[in-house]
PDB file of N, CA and C in Angstrom:
ATOM      1  N   MET A   1     -18.416  43.641  -8.102  1.00  0.00           N
ATOM      2  CA  MET A   1     -17.188  43.044  -7.672  1.00  0.00           C
ATOM      3  C   MET A   1     -16.040  43.729  -8.308  1.00  0.00           C
ATOM      4  N   ALA A   2     -16.181  44.820  -8.960  1.00  0.00           N
ATOM      5  CA  ALA A   2     -15.123  45.603  -9.594  1.00  0.00           C
ATOM      6  C   ALA A   2     -14.210  46.092  -8.441  1.00  0.00           C
ATOM      7  N   GLY A   3     -12.837  45.785  -8.633  1.00  0.00           N
ATOM      8  CA  GLY A   3     -11.970  46.283  -7.655  1.00  0.00           C
ATOM      9  C   GLY A   3     -11.823  45.443  -6.429  1.00  0.00           C
ATOM     10  N   GLU A   4     -12.686  44.408  -6.261  1.00  0.00           N
ATOM     11  CA  GLU A   4     -12.636  43.485  -5.124  1.00  0.00           C
ATOM     12  C   GLU A   4     -11.664  42.390  -5.353  1.00  0.00           C
ATOM     13  N   THR A   5     -10.924  41.944  -4.355  1.00  0.00           N
ATOM     14  CA  THR A   5     -10.178  40.719  -4.488  1.00  0.00           C
ATOM     15  C   THR A   5     -10.970  39.480  -4.000  1.00  0.00           C
ATOM     16  N   ALA A   6     -10.985  38.481  -4.918  1.00  0.00           N
ATOM     17  CA  ALA A   6     -11.712  37.321  -4.510  1.00  0.00           C
ATOM     18  C   ALA A   6     -10.958  36.576  -3.505  1.00  0.00           C
ATOM     19  N   MET A   7     -11.715  36.181  -2.424  1.00  0.00           N
ATOM     20  CA  MET A   7     -11.192  35.406  -1.353  1.00  0.00           C
ATOM     21  C   MET A   7     -11.524  33.956  -1.520  1.00  0.00           C
ATOM     22  N   ARG A   8     -10.529  33.048  -1.292  1.00  0.00           N
ATOM     23  CA  ARG A   8     -10.789  31.641  -1.530  1.00  0.00           C
ATOM     24  C   ARG A   8     -10.364  30.976  -0.196  1.00  0.00           C
ATOM     25  N   ILE A   9     -11.364  30.162   0.324  1.00  0.00           N
ATOM     26  CA  ILE A   9     -11.114  29.438   1.562  1.00  0.00           C
ATOM     27  C   ILE A   9     -11.319  27.978   1.266  1.00  0.00           C
ATOM     28  N   VAL A  10     -10.388  27.119   1.735  1.00  0.00           N
ATOM     29  CA  VAL A  10     -10.558  25.639   1.523  1.00  0.00           C
ATOM     30  C   VAL A  10     -10.621  25.057   2.925  1.00  0.00           C
ATOM     31  N   VAL A  11     -11.735  24.310   3.201  1.00  0.00           N
ATOM     32  CA  VAL A  11     -11.948  23.626   4.384  1.00  0.00           C
ATOM     33  C   VAL A  11     -12.451  22.313   4.145  1.00  0.00           C
ATOM     34  N   GLU A  12     -12.187  21.353   5.077  1.00  0.00           N
ATOM     35  CA  GLU A  12     -12.684  20.007   4.988  1.00  0.00           C
ATOM     36  C   GLU A  12     -13.936  19.867   5.792  1.00  0.00           C
ATOM     37  N   ALA A  13     -14.756  18.966   5.256  1.00  0.00           N
ATOM     38  CA  ALA A  13     -16.084  18.767   5.832  1.00  0.00           C
ATOM     39  C   ALA A  13     -16.458  17.188   5.754  1.00  0.00           C
ATOM     40  N   ARG A  14     -17.506  16.850   6.431  1.00  0.00           N
ATOM     41  CA  ARG A  14     -17.995  15.513   6.385  1.00  0.00           C
ATOM     42  C   ARG A  14     -19.419  15.596   6.020  1.00  0.00           C
ATOM     43  N   TYR A  15     -19.917  14.760   5.199  1.00  0.00           N
ATOM     44  CA  TYR A  15     -21.297  14.692   4.719  1.00  0.00           C
ATOM     45  C   TYR A  15     -22.022  13.718   5.634  1.00  0.00           C
ATOM     46  N   ARG A  16     -23.018  14.234   6.348  1.00  0.00           N
ATOM     47  CA  ARG A  16     -23.743  13.402   7.274  1.00  0.00           C
ATOM     48  C   ARG A  16     -25.192  13.864   7.257  1.00  0.00           C
ATOM     49  N   ALA A  17     -26.173  12.964   7.208  1.00  0.00           N
ATOM     50  CA  ALA A  17     -27.590  13.262   7.226  1.00  0.00           C
ATOM     51  C   ALA A  17     -27.887  14.426   6.370  1.00  0.00           C
ATOM     52  N   ARG A  18     -27.460  14.287   5.101  1.00  0.00           N
ATOM     53  CA  ARG A  18     -27.695  15.236   4.072  1.00  0.00           C
ATOM     54  C   ARG A  18     -27.261  16.692   4.323  1.00  0.00           C
ATOM     55  N   GLN A  19     -26.176  16.779   5.124  1.00  0.00           N
ATOM     56  CA  GLN A  19     -25.616  18.112   5.521  1.00  0.00           C
ATOM     57  C   GLN A  19     -24.146  18.056   5.417  1.00  0.00           C
ATOM     58  N   LEU A  20     -23.490  19.106   5.084  1.00  0.00           N
ATOM     59  CA  LEU A  20     -21.977  19.209   5.127  1.00  0.00           C
ATOM     60  C   LEU A  20     -21.592  19.806   6.501  1.00  0.00           C
ATOM     61  N   LEU A  21     -20.881  19.028   7.229  1.00  0.00           N
ATOM     62  CA  LEU A  21     -20.441  19.581   8.574  1.00  0.00           C
ATOM     63  C   LEU A  21     -18.978  20.012   8.462  1.00  0.00           C
ATOM     64  N   LEU A  22     -18.766  21.267   8.535  1.00  0.00           N
ATOM     65  CA  LEU A  22     -17.378  21.814   8.475  1.00  0.00           C
ATOM     66  C   LEU A  22     -16.553  21.351   9.604  1.00  0.00           C
ATOM     67  N   GLU A  23     -15.319  21.115   9.407  1.00  0.00           N
ATOM     68  CA  GLU A  23     -14.408  20.647  10.388  1.00  0.00           C
ATOM     69  C   GLU A  23     -13.719  21.859  11.144  1.00  0.00           C
ATOM     70  N   GLN A  24     -13.930  23.029  10.613  1.00  0.00           N
ATOM     71  CA  GLN A  24     -13.422  24.250  11.315  1.00  0.00           C
ATOM     72  C   GLN A  24     -14.370  25.341  10.983  1.00  0.00           C
ATOM     73  N   PRO A  25     -14.444  26.366  11.946  1.00  0.00           N
ATOM     74  CA  PRO A  25     -15.382  27.405  11.641  1.00  0.00           C
ATOM     75  C   PRO A  25     -14.880  28.371  10.497  1.00  0.00           C
ATOM     76  N   LEU A  26     -15.796  29.106   9.928  1.00  0.00           N
ATOM     77  CA  LEU A  26     -15.488  30.027   8.872  1.00  0.00           C
ATOM     78  C   LEU A  26     -15.671  31.450   9.478  1.00  0.00           C
ATOM     79  N   ASN A  27     -14.845  32.360   9.047  1.00  0.00           N
ATOM     80  CA  ASN A  27     -14.949  33.784   9.446  1.00  0.00           C
ATOM     81  C   ASN A  27     -15.617  34.526   8.324  1.00  0.00           C
ATOM     82  N   LEU A  28     -16.978  34.270   8.218  1.00  0.00           N
ATOM     83  CA  LEU A  28     -17.710  34.928   7.217  1.00  0.00           C
ATOM     84  C   LEU A  28     -18.901  35.606   7.867  1.00  0.00           C
ATOM     85  N   PRO A  29     -19.426  36.708   7.340  1.00  0.00           N
ATOM     86  CA  PRO A  29     -20.582  37.316   7.772  1.00  0.00           C
ATOM     87  C   PRO A  29     -21.841  36.395   7.624  1.00  0.00           C
ATOM     88  N   ASP A  30     -22.707  36.555   8.577  1.00  0.00           N
ATOM     89  CA  ASP A  30     -23.955  35.739   8.460  1.00  0.00           C
ATOM     90  C   ASP A  30     -24.699  36.088   7.163  1.00  0.00           C
ATOM     91  N   GLY A  31     -25.187  35.118   6.382  1.00  0.00           N
ATOM     92  CA  GLY A  31     -25.940  35.408   5.230  1.00  0.00           C
ATOM     93  C   GLY A  31     -25.040  35.423   3.968  1.00  0.00           C
ATOM     94  N   GLN A  32     -23.684  35.350   4.152  1.00  0.00           N
ATOM     95  CA  GLN A  32     -22.789  35.505   3.086  1.00  0.00           C
ATOM     96  C   GLN A  32     -23.018  34.354   2.028  1.00  0.00           C
ATOM     97  N   ARG A  33     -23.253  34.761   0.791  1.00  0.00           N
ATOM     98  CA  ARG A  33     -23.345  33.740  -0.276  1.00  0.00           C
ATOM     99  C   ARG A  33     -22.043  33.225  -0.704  1.00  0.00           C
ATOM    100  N   VAL A  34     -21.871  31.894  -0.858  1.00  0.00           N
ATOM    101  CA  VAL A  34     -20.633  31.272  -1.173  1.00  0.00           C
ATOM    102  C   VAL A  34     -20.855  30.273  -2.320  1.00  0.00           C
ATOM    103  N   ARG A  35     -19.816  29.909  -3.000  1.00  0.00           N
ATOM    104  CA  ARG A  35     -19.863  28.885  -3.969  1.00  0.00           C
ATOM    105  C   ARG A  35     -19.135  27.641  -3.411  1.00  0.00           C
ATOM    106  N   VAL A  36     -19.682  26.430  -3.481  1.00  0.00           N
ATOM    107  CA  VAL A  36     -19.087  25.239  -2.859  1.00  0.00           C
ATOM    108  C   VAL A  36     -18.784  24.242  -3.970  1.00  0.00           C
ATOM    109  N   ALA A  37     -17.545  23.770  -3.991  1.00  0.00           N
ATOM    110  CA  ALA A  37     -17.061  22.618  -4.966  1.00  0.00           C
ATOM    111  C   ALA A  37     -16.794  21.428  -4.129  1.00  0.00           C
ATOM    112  N   ILE A  38     -17.356  20.361  -4.479  1.00  0.00           N
ATOM    113  CA  ILE A  38     -17.157  19.077  -3.666  1.00  0.00           C
ATOM    114  C   ILE A  38     -16.002  18.251  -4.297  1.00  0.00           C
ATOM    115  N   GLU A  39     -15.097  17.952  -3.531  1.00  0.00           N
ATOM    116  CA  GLU A  39     -14.008  17.064  -3.933  1.00  0.00           C
ATOM    117  C   GLU A  39     -13.711  15.938  -2.798  1.00  0.00           C
ATOM    118  N   PRO A  40     -14.112  14.761  -3.078  1.00  0.00           N
ATOM    119  CA  PRO A  40     -13.961  13.685  -2.099  1.00  0.00           C
ATOM    120  C   PRO A  40     -12.537  13.547  -1.629  1.00  0.00           C
ATOM    121  N   ILE A  41     -12.349  13.166  -0.331  1.00  0.00           N
ATOM    122  CA  ILE A  41     -11.071  13.023   0.286  1.00  0.00           C
ATOM    123  C   ILE A  41     -10.860  11.524   0.633  1.00  0.00           C
ATOM    124  N   ASP A  42      -9.771  10.932   0.132  1.00  0.00           N
ATOM    125  CA  ASP A  42      -9.491   9.573   0.623  1.00  0.00           C
ATOM    126  C   ASP A  42      -8.887   9.567   1.990  1.00  0.00           C
ATOM    127  N   ASP A  43      -9.616   9.131   2.904  1.00  0.00           N
ATOM    128  CA  ASP A  43      -9.139   9.219   4.377  1.00  0.00           C
ATOM    129  C   ASP A  43      -8.021   8.186   4.676  1.00  0.00           C
ATOM    130  N   ALA A  44      -7.741   7.130   3.871  1.00  0.00           N
ATOM    131  CA  ALA A  44      -6.775   6.140   4.214  1.00  0.00           C
ATOM    132  C   ALA A  44      -5.401   6.777   4.012  1.00  0.00           C
ATOM    133  N   PRO A  45      -4.530   6.577   5.026  1.00  0.00           N
ATOM    134  CA  PRO A  45      -3.138   7.056   4.832  1.00  0.00           C
ATOM    135  C   PRO A  45      -2.456   6.450   3.628  1.00  0.00           C
ATOM    136  N   VAL A  46      -1.447   7.096   3.020  1.00  0.00           N
ATOM    137  CA  VAL A  46      -0.765   6.694   1.945  1.00  0.00           C
ATOM    138  C   VAL A  46      -0.305   5.214   1.996  1.00  0.00           C
ATOM    139  N   GLY A  47       0.279   4.888   3.167  1.00  0.00           N
ATOM    140  CA  GLY A  47       0.821   3.590   3.369  1.00  0.00           C
ATOM    141  C   GLY A  47      -0.322   2.549   3.278  1.00  0.00           C
ATOM    142  N   GLN A  48      -1.461   2.765   3.801  1.00  0.00           N
ATOM    143  CA  GLN A  48      -2.578   1.810   3.728  1.00  0.00           C
ATOM    144  C   GLN A  48      -3.019   1.668   2.231  1.00  0.00           C
ATOM    145  N   GLN A  49      -2.974   2.777   1.495  1.00  0.00           N
ATOM    146  CA  GLN A  49      -3.415   2.688   0.121  1.00  0.00           C
ATOM    147  C   GLN A  49      -2.342   1.830  -0.687  1.00  0.00           C
ATOM    148  N   ILE A  50      -1.117   1.955  -0.403  1.00  0.00           N
ATOM    149  CA  ILE A  50      -0.092   1.160  -1.131  1.00  0.00           C
ATOM    150  C   ILE A  50      -0.274  -0.258  -0.787  1.00  0.00           C
ATOM    151  N   VAL A  51      -0.530  -0.608   0.490  1.00  0.00           N
ATOM    152  CA  VAL A  51      -0.686  -2.002   0.964  1.00  0.00           C
ATOM    153  C   VAL A  51      -1.887  -2.542   0.254  1.00  0.00           C
ATOM    154  N   ALA A  52      -2.996  -1.822   0.170  1.00  0.00           N
ATOM    155  CA  ALA A  52      -4.220  -2.274  -0.543  1.00  0.00           C
ATOM    156  C   ALA A  52      -3.946  -2.538  -1.994  1.00  0.00           C
ATOM    157  N   GLN A  53      -3.116  -1.695  -2.643  1.00  0.00           N
ATOM    158  CA  GLN A  53      -2.879  -1.887  -4.005  1.00  0.00           C
ATOM    159  C   GLN A  53      -1.959  -3.162  -4.206  1.00  0.00           C
ATOM    160  N   TRP A  54      -0.988  -3.444  -3.287  1.00  0.00           N
ATOM    161  CA  TRP A  54      -0.186  -4.585  -3.344  1.00  0.00           C
ATOM    162  C   TRP A  54      -0.993  -5.913  -3.177  1.00  0.00           C
ATOM    163  N   ARG A  55      -1.920  -5.800  -2.229  1.00  0.00           N
ATOM    164  CA  ARG A  55      -2.810  -6.989  -2.020  1.00  0.00           C
ATOM    165  C   ARG A  55      -3.570  -7.270  -3.220  1.00  0.00           C
ATOM    166  N   ALA A  56      -4.134  -6.232  -3.795  1.00  0.00           N
ATOM    167  CA  ALA A  56      -4.974  -6.463  -5.094  1.00  0.00           C
ATOM    168  C   ALA A  56      -4.167  -6.984  -6.120  1.00  0.00           C
ATOM    169  N   ALA A  57      -2.923  -6.599  -6.153  1.00  0.00           N
ATOM    170  CA  ALA A  57      -1.994  -7.114  -7.293  1.00  0.00           C
ATOM    171  C   ALA A  57      -1.400  -8.471  -7.002  1.00  0.00           C
ATOM    172  N   GLY A  58      -1.624  -9.007  -5.797  1.00  0.00           N
ATOM    173  CA  GLY A  58      -1.059 -10.272  -5.426  1.00  0.00           C
ATOM    174  C   GLY A  58       0.304 -10.230  -4.974  1.00  0.00           C
ATOM    175  N   VAL A  59       0.865  -9.118  -4.640  1.00  0.00           N
ATOM    176  CA  VAL A  59       2.231  -9.039  -4.271  1.00  0.00           C
ATOM    177  C   VAL A  59       2.383  -9.519  -2.811  1.00  0.00           C
ATOM    178  N   ILE A  60       1.498  -9.056  -1.964  1.00  0.00           N
ATOM    179  CA  ILE A  60       1.452  -9.529  -0.563  1.00  0.00           C
ATOM    180  C   ILE A  60       0.905 -10.883  -0.481  1.00  0.00           C
ATOM    181  N   GLY A  61       1.681 -11.759   0.161  1.00  0.00           N
ATOM    182  CA  GLY A  61       1.298 -13.139   0.309  1.00  0.00           C
ATOM    183  C   GLY A  61       1.788 -13.969  -0.815  1.00  0.00           C
ATOM    184  N   ALA A  62       2.431 -13.477  -1.801  1.00  0.00           N
ATOM    185  CA  ALA A  62       2.914 -14.195  -2.897  1.00  0.00           C
ATOM    186  C   ALA A  62       3.904 -15.391  -2.450  1.00  0.00           C
ATOM    187  N   TRP A  63       4.589 -15.111  -1.455  1.00  0.00           N
ATOM    188  CA  TRP A  63       5.619 -16.103  -0.935  1.00  0.00           C
ATOM    189  C   TRP A  63       4.945 -17.184  -0.034  1.00  0.00           C
ATOM    190  N   ALA A  64       3.690 -17.026   0.310  1.00  0.00           N
ATOM    191  CA  ALA A  64       3.012 -17.957   1.245  1.00  0.00           C
ATOM    192  C   ALA A  64       2.899 -19.293   0.668  1.00  0.00           C
ATOM    193  N   THR A  65       2.785 -19.403  -0.643  1.00  0.00           N
ATOM    194  CA  THR A  65       2.624 -20.725  -1.318  1.00  0.00           C
ATOM    195  C   THR A  65       3.886 -21.371  -1.742  1.00  0.00           C
ATOM    196  N   ARG A  66       5.024 -20.710  -1.404  1.00  0.00           N
ATOM    197  CA  ARG A  66       6.337 -21.203  -1.910  1.00  0.00           C
ATOM    198  C   ARG A  66       6.638 -22.503  -1.147  1.00  0.00           C
ATOM    199  N   ARG A  67       7.041 -23.523  -1.828  1.00  0.00           N
ATOM    200  CA  ARG A  67       7.518 -24.847  -1.272  1.00  0.00           C
ATOM    201  C   ARG A  67       8.936 -24.594  -0.831  1.00  0.00           C
ATOM    202  N   VAL A  68       9.318 -25.164   0.300  1.00  0.00           N
ATOM    203  CA  VAL A  68      10.629 -24.996   0.921  1.00  0.00           C
ATOM    204  C   VAL A  68      11.586 -25.615  -0.087  1.00  0.00           C
ATOM    205  N   SER A  69      11.257 -26.653  -0.831  1.00  0.00           N
ATOM    206  CA  SER A  69      12.219 -27.239  -1.694  1.00  0.00           C
ATOM    207  C   SER A  69      12.579 -26.463  -2.927  1.00  0.00           C
ATOM    208  N   VAL A  70      11.831 -25.301  -3.188  1.00  0.00           N
ATOM    209  CA  VAL A  70      12.158 -24.436  -4.279  1.00  0.00           C
ATOM    210  C   VAL A  70      13.076 -23.364  -3.751  1.00  0.00           C
ATOM    211  N   PRO A  71      14.270 -23.183  -4.429  1.00  0.00           N
ATOM    212  CA  PRO A  71      15.200 -22.165  -3.950  1.00  0.00           C
ATOM    213  C   PRO A  71      14.530 -20.698  -4.143  1.00  0.00           C
ATOM    214  N   SER A  72      14.760 -19.821  -3.202  1.00  0.00           N
ATOM    215  CA  SER A  72      14.156 -18.514  -3.240  1.00  0.00           C
ATOM    216  C   SER A  72      14.410 -17.650  -4.511  1.00  0.00           C
ATOM    217  N   THR A  73      15.645 -17.836  -5.034  1.00  0.00           N
ATOM    218  CA  THR A  73      15.889 -17.172  -6.337  1.00  0.00           C
ATOM    219  C   THR A  73      15.061 -17.629  -7.499  1.00  0.00           C
ATOM    220  N   ARG A  74      14.856 -18.915  -7.499  1.00  0.00           N
ATOM    221  CA  ARG A  74      14.012 -19.485  -8.488  1.00  0.00           C
ATOM    222  C   ARG A  74      12.567 -19.076  -8.366  1.00  0.00           C
ATOM    223  N   TRP A  75      12.103 -19.088  -7.056  1.00  0.00           N
ATOM    224  CA  TRP A  75      10.768 -18.660  -6.814  1.00  0.00           C
ATOM    225  C   TRP A  75      10.540 -17.162  -7.183  1.00  0.00           C
ATOM    226  N   ALA A  76      11.482 -16.323  -6.841  1.00  0.00           N
ATOM    227  CA  ALA A  76      11.379 -14.878  -7.246  1.00  0.00           C
ATOM    228  C   ALA A  76      11.268 -14.748  -8.771  1.00  0.00           C
ATOM    229  N   ARG A  77      12.121 -15.590  -9.455  1.00  0.00           N
ATOM    230  CA  ARG A  77      12.121 -15.511 -10.881  1.00  0.00           C
ATOM    231  C   ARG A  77      10.700 -15.862 -11.479  1.00  0.00           C
ATOM    232  N   GLN A  78      10.168 -17.004 -10.905  1.00  0.00           N
ATOM    233  CA  GLN A  78       8.845 -17.379 -11.273  1.00  0.00           C
ATOM    234  C   GLN A  78       7.744 -16.335 -11.110  1.00  0.00           C
ATOM    235  N   LEU A  79       7.913 -15.671  -9.882  1.00  0.00           N
ATOM    236  CA  LEU A  79       6.896 -14.558  -9.641  1.00  0.00           C
ATOM    237  C   LEU A  79       7.017 -13.508 -10.619  1.00  0.00           C
ATOM    238  N   ARG A  80       8.286 -13.092 -10.885  1.00  0.00           N
ATOM    239  CA  ARG A  80       8.465 -11.976 -11.883  1.00  0.00           C
ATOM    240  C   ARG A  80       7.897 -12.379 -13.281  1.00  0.00           C
ATOM    241  N   GLN A  81       8.080 -13.621 -13.661  1.00  0.00           N
ATOM    242  CA  GLN A  81       7.581 -14.102 -15.002  1.00  0.00           C
ATOM    243  C   GLN A  81       6.090 -14.062 -14.974  1.00  0.00           C
ATOM    244  N   ARG A  82       5.377 -14.515 -13.954  1.00  0.00           N
ATOM    245  CA  ARG A  82       3.957 -14.449 -13.832  1.00  0.00           C
ATOM    246  C   ARG A  82       3.473 -12.994 -13.906  1.00  0.00           C
ATOM    247  N   ALA A  83       4.128 -12.162 -13.197  1.00  0.00           N
ATOM    248  CA  ALA A  83       3.690 -10.776 -13.153  1.00  0.00           C
ATOM    249  C   ALA A  83       3.888 -10.140 -14.581  1.00  0.00           C
ATOM    250  N   SER A  84       4.900 -10.502 -15.275  1.00  0.00           N
ATOM    251  CA  SER A  84       5.107  -9.876 -16.602  1.00  0.00           C
ATOM    252  C   SER A  84       4.159 -10.436 -17.694  1.00  0.00           C
ATOM    253  N   HIS A  85       3.534 -11.595 -17.404  1.00  0.00           N
ATOM    254  CA  HIS A  85       2.563 -12.085 -18.334  1.00  0.00           C
ATOM    255  C   HIS A  85       1.090 -11.782 -17.990  1.00  0.00           C
ATOM    256  N   ARG A  86       0.870 -11.094 -16.877  1.00  0.00           N
ATOM    257  CA  ARG A  86      -0.400 -10.694 -16.491  1.00  0.00           C
ATOM    258  C   ARG A  86      -1.026  -9.727 -17.476  1.00  0.00           C
ATOM    259  N   ALA A  87      -2.342  -9.753 -17.737  1.00  0.00           N
ATOM    260  CA  ALA A  87      -2.946  -8.739 -18.624  1.00  0.00           C
ATOM    261  C   ALA A  87      -2.941  -7.436 -17.872  1.00  0.00           C
ATOM    262  N   ARG A  88      -2.597  -6.435 -18.506  1.00  0.00           N
ATOM    263  CA  ARG A  88      -2.512  -5.052 -17.946  1.00  0.00           C
ATOM    264  C   ARG A  88      -3.597  -4.226 -18.356  1.00  0.00           C
TER     265      ARG A  88
END
């Protein structure tokens, strides 16, 4: 490999039936030896990830149990106090 420039190609693939199925073709000669590094990809869009984190933290739906007789500012203060006292 002296004097050769190392080529690095990054492609996405899916693992199915004990095989990696590339999502695009590679321009490599038949029989070319390669090194493969596996890095899982989270397919959920960023927005969905944030919503899932908010659900897990109890942010989404927190107002569902609010009684109408409790002013919204007081309810928000109570939610903040509960959140600040949660174990981290």
